[in-house]
Amino acid sequence: MLTVEASDRPAHWRSTVPAYCSLIATELARNAAGECTTFSPLAHSMERYVRSDPAHADLAGFARMLGYSKDYTGRLVRESTGRTFQDLTGTLRMGIAASRLLDTDDTVASIARTVGYDNRSGFHKRFLSVYGLTPSEYRSMFRMR
């Protein structure tokens, strides 16, 4: 799929190619660490939950949705994915933010609020750590004109 995106350049290819590269790097790192890389039904449910309201998604709400305790849900997520709920939601939020940077004209501050960051500098710091670029640099580099 990566080669199709890079060579055919369909709509939104500039955001898709870096995302595929990130996924490939993550899968390679997990394989090297011997971690399970299957996308479980639990992880799929969690992704839908976070995407429905990224600013307010939390472990307690996800646990309520599943009908489990917060502690049990946290353990279940960790056992199923090898990562904590907080780590996974942070990654999902940054992915949502990256997509919005490319697909909307929303301000960086507005996008930060949409994904749960009241503090713009905290959002910038997290985005930079994930993508190696500030949100504005990312938008300038990958946005289709």
Protein backbone atom coordinates (compact mmCIF):
# COMPACT_ATOMS: atom_id res chain seq x y z
CA MET A 1 0.00 0.00 0.00
CA LEU A 2 2.83 2.37 0.78
CA THR A 3 4.25 2.04 -2.71
CA VAL A 4 0.83 2.68 -4.26
CA GLU A 5 0.37 5.81 -2.14
CA ALA A 6 3.85 7.11 -2.95
CA SER A 7 3.74 6.35 -6.67
CA ASP A 8 0.08 6.99 -7.60
CA ARG A 9 -0.36 9.94 -5.21
CA PRO A 10 -4.12 9.71 -4.63
CA ALA A 11 -5.93 12.30 -2.49
CA HIS A 12 -4.26 12.85 0.90
CA TRP A 13 -1.16 10.88 -0.07
CA ARG A 14 1.07 13.39 1.71
CA SER A 15 -0.47 12.52 5.06
CA THR A 16 -0.78 8.80 4.33
CA VAL A 17 2.84 8.12 3.38
CA PRO A 18 4.33 9.39 6.69
CA ALA A 19 1.62 7.50 8.59
CA TYR A 20 2.49 4.24 6.80
CA CYS A 21 6.18 4.82 7.47
CA SER A 22 5.43 5.35 11.15
CA LEU A 23 3.35 2.16 11.29
CA ILE A 24 6.07 0.16 9.58
CA ALA A 25 8.68 1.47 12.02
CA THR A 26 6.41 0.61 14.95
CA GLU A 27 5.76 -2.90 13.65
CA LEU A 28 9.48 -3.48 13.12
CA ALA A 29 10.25 -2.28 16.64
CA ARG A 30 7.54 -4.51 18.10
CA ASN A 31 8.73 -7.52 16.13
CA ALA A 32 12.28 -6.90 17.31
CA ALA A 33 11.01 -6.73 20.89
CA GLY A 34 8.94 -9.88 20.40
CA GLU A 35 5.67 -8.06 21.07
CA CYS A 36 2.32 -9.09 19.65
CA THR A 37 1.35 -6.88 16.74
CA THR A 38 -2.19 -8.03 16.07
CA PHE A 39 -4.87 -5.39 16.07
CA SER A 40 -7.30 -6.81 18.62
CA PRO A 41 -11.04 -6.15 18.80
CA LEU A 42 -10.35 -4.33 22.08
CA ALA A 43 -7.87 -2.00 20.36
CA HIS A 44 -10.38 -1.39 17.58
CA SER A 45 -13.09 -0.51 20.14
CA MET A 46 -10.67 1.78 21.91
CA GLU A 47 -9.78 3.57 18.69
CA ARG A 48 -13.47 4.16 17.89
CA TYR A 49 -14.02 5.43 21.44
CA VAL A 50 -11.11 7.90 21.30
CA ARG A 51 -12.00 9.12 17.80
CA SER A 52 -15.58 9.84 18.91
CA ASP A 53 -14.40 12.55 21.34
CA PRO A 54 -10.59 12.78 21.50
CA ALA A 55 -10.55 15.71 23.91
CA HIS A 56 -12.50 13.87 26.59
CA ALA A 57 -11.62 10.21 26.03
CA ASP A 58 -10.29 8.64 29.21
CA LEU A 59 -9.80 5.21 30.74
CA ALA A 60 -12.77 5.59 33.11
CA GLY A 61 -15.13 6.38 30.22
CA PHE A 62 -13.80 3.52 28.12
CA ALA A 63 -14.18 1.14 31.07
CA ARG A 64 -17.78 2.33 31.57
CA MET A 65 -18.48 1.75 27.89
CA LEU A 66 -17.17 -1.83 28.18
CA GLY A 67 -18.88 -2.46 31.51
CA TYR A 68 -15.63 -3.19 33.35
CA SER A 69 -13.75 -1.53 36.17
CA LYS A 70 -11.13 1.07 35.32
CA ASP A 71 -8.31 -1.09 36.75
CA TYR A 72 -9.39 -4.21 34.88
CA THR A 73 -9.79 -2.28 31.62
CA GLY A 74 -6.32 -0.76 32.02
CA ARG A 75 -4.81 -4.23 32.50
CA LEU A 76 -6.80 -5.62 29.58
CA VAL A 77 -5.57 -2.86 27.26
CA ARG A 78 -1.97 -3.38 28.38
CA GLU A 79 -2.15 -7.17 27.94
CA SER A 80 -3.88 -6.88 24.57
CA THR A 81 -1.68 -4.18 23.03
CA GLY A 82 1.53 -4.06 25.06
CA ARG A 83 0.91 -0.35 25.69
CA THR A 84 -0.97 1.69 28.25
CA PHE A 85 -4.31 3.33 27.56
CA GLN A 86 -2.70 6.74 28.04
CA ASP A 87 0.08 5.97 25.58
CA LEU A 88 -2.36 4.67 22.97
CA THR A 89 -4.73 7.61 23.32
CA GLY A 90 -1.81 10.02 23.04
CA THR A 91 -0.76 8.36 19.79
CA LEU A 92 -4.31 8.40 18.43
CA ARG A 93 -4.75 12.05 19.38
CA MET A 94 -1.57 13.00 17.53
CA GLY A 95 -2.78 11.08 14.47
CA ILE A 96 -6.09 12.93 14.58
CA ALA A 97 -4.25 16.23 14.95
CA ALA A 98 -1.95 15.43 12.02
CA SER A 99 -4.93 14.63 9.81
CA ARG A 100 -6.73 17.83 10.80
CA LEU A 101 -3.62 19.88 10.09
CA LEU A 102 -3.65 18.60 6.53
CA ASP A 103 -7.37 18.36 5.88
CA THR A 104 -8.73 21.54 7.51
CA ASP A 105 -7.90 25.22 7.80
CA ASP A 106 -8.38 25.10 11.58
CA THR A 107 -5.75 26.93 13.61
CA VAL A 108 -3.15 24.91 15.47
CA ALA A 109 -4.66 26.12 18.76
CA SER A 110 -8.11 24.92 17.70
CA ILE A 111 -6.77 21.52 16.66
CA ALA A 112 -4.88 21.25 19.95
CA ARG A 113 -8.14 21.85 21.86
CA THR A 114 -9.97 19.34 19.66
CA VAL A 115 -7.57 16.59 20.71
CA GLY A 116 -7.54 17.55 24.38
CA TYR A 117 -4.69 20.01 24.84
CA ASP A 118 -5.58 23.25 26.62
CA ASN A 119 -1.91 24.24 26.63
CA ARG A 120 -0.63 24.99 23.14
CA SER A 121 3.01 24.54 24.14
CA GLY A 122 2.26 21.06 25.53
CA PHE A 123 0.64 20.16 22.23
CA HIS A 124 3.63 21.49 20.27
CA LYS A 125 6.06 19.54 22.44
CA ARG A 126 4.14 16.26 22.07
CA PHE A 127 3.61 16.74 18.32
CA LEU A 128 7.30 17.49 17.82
CA SER A 129 8.27 14.35 19.76
CA VAL A 130 6.00 12.17 17.60
CA TYR A 131 6.58 13.66 14.15
CA GLY A 132 9.90 15.47 14.47
CA LEU A 133 8.25 18.66 13.24
CA THR A 134 6.14 21.37 14.83
CA PRO A 135 2.47 21.34 13.80
CA SER A 136 3.02 24.35 11.53
CA GLU A 137 6.08 22.77 9.91
CA TYR A 138 4.14 19.53 9.41
CA ARG A 139 1.25 21.38 7.76
CA SER A 140 3.59 23.32 5.48
CA MET A 141 5.58 20.25 4.48
CA PHE A 142 2.80 17.74 3.80
CA ARG A 143 -0.30 19.73 2.93
CA MET A 144 -1.50 19.50 -0.66
CA ARG A 145 -1.92 22.92 -2.17
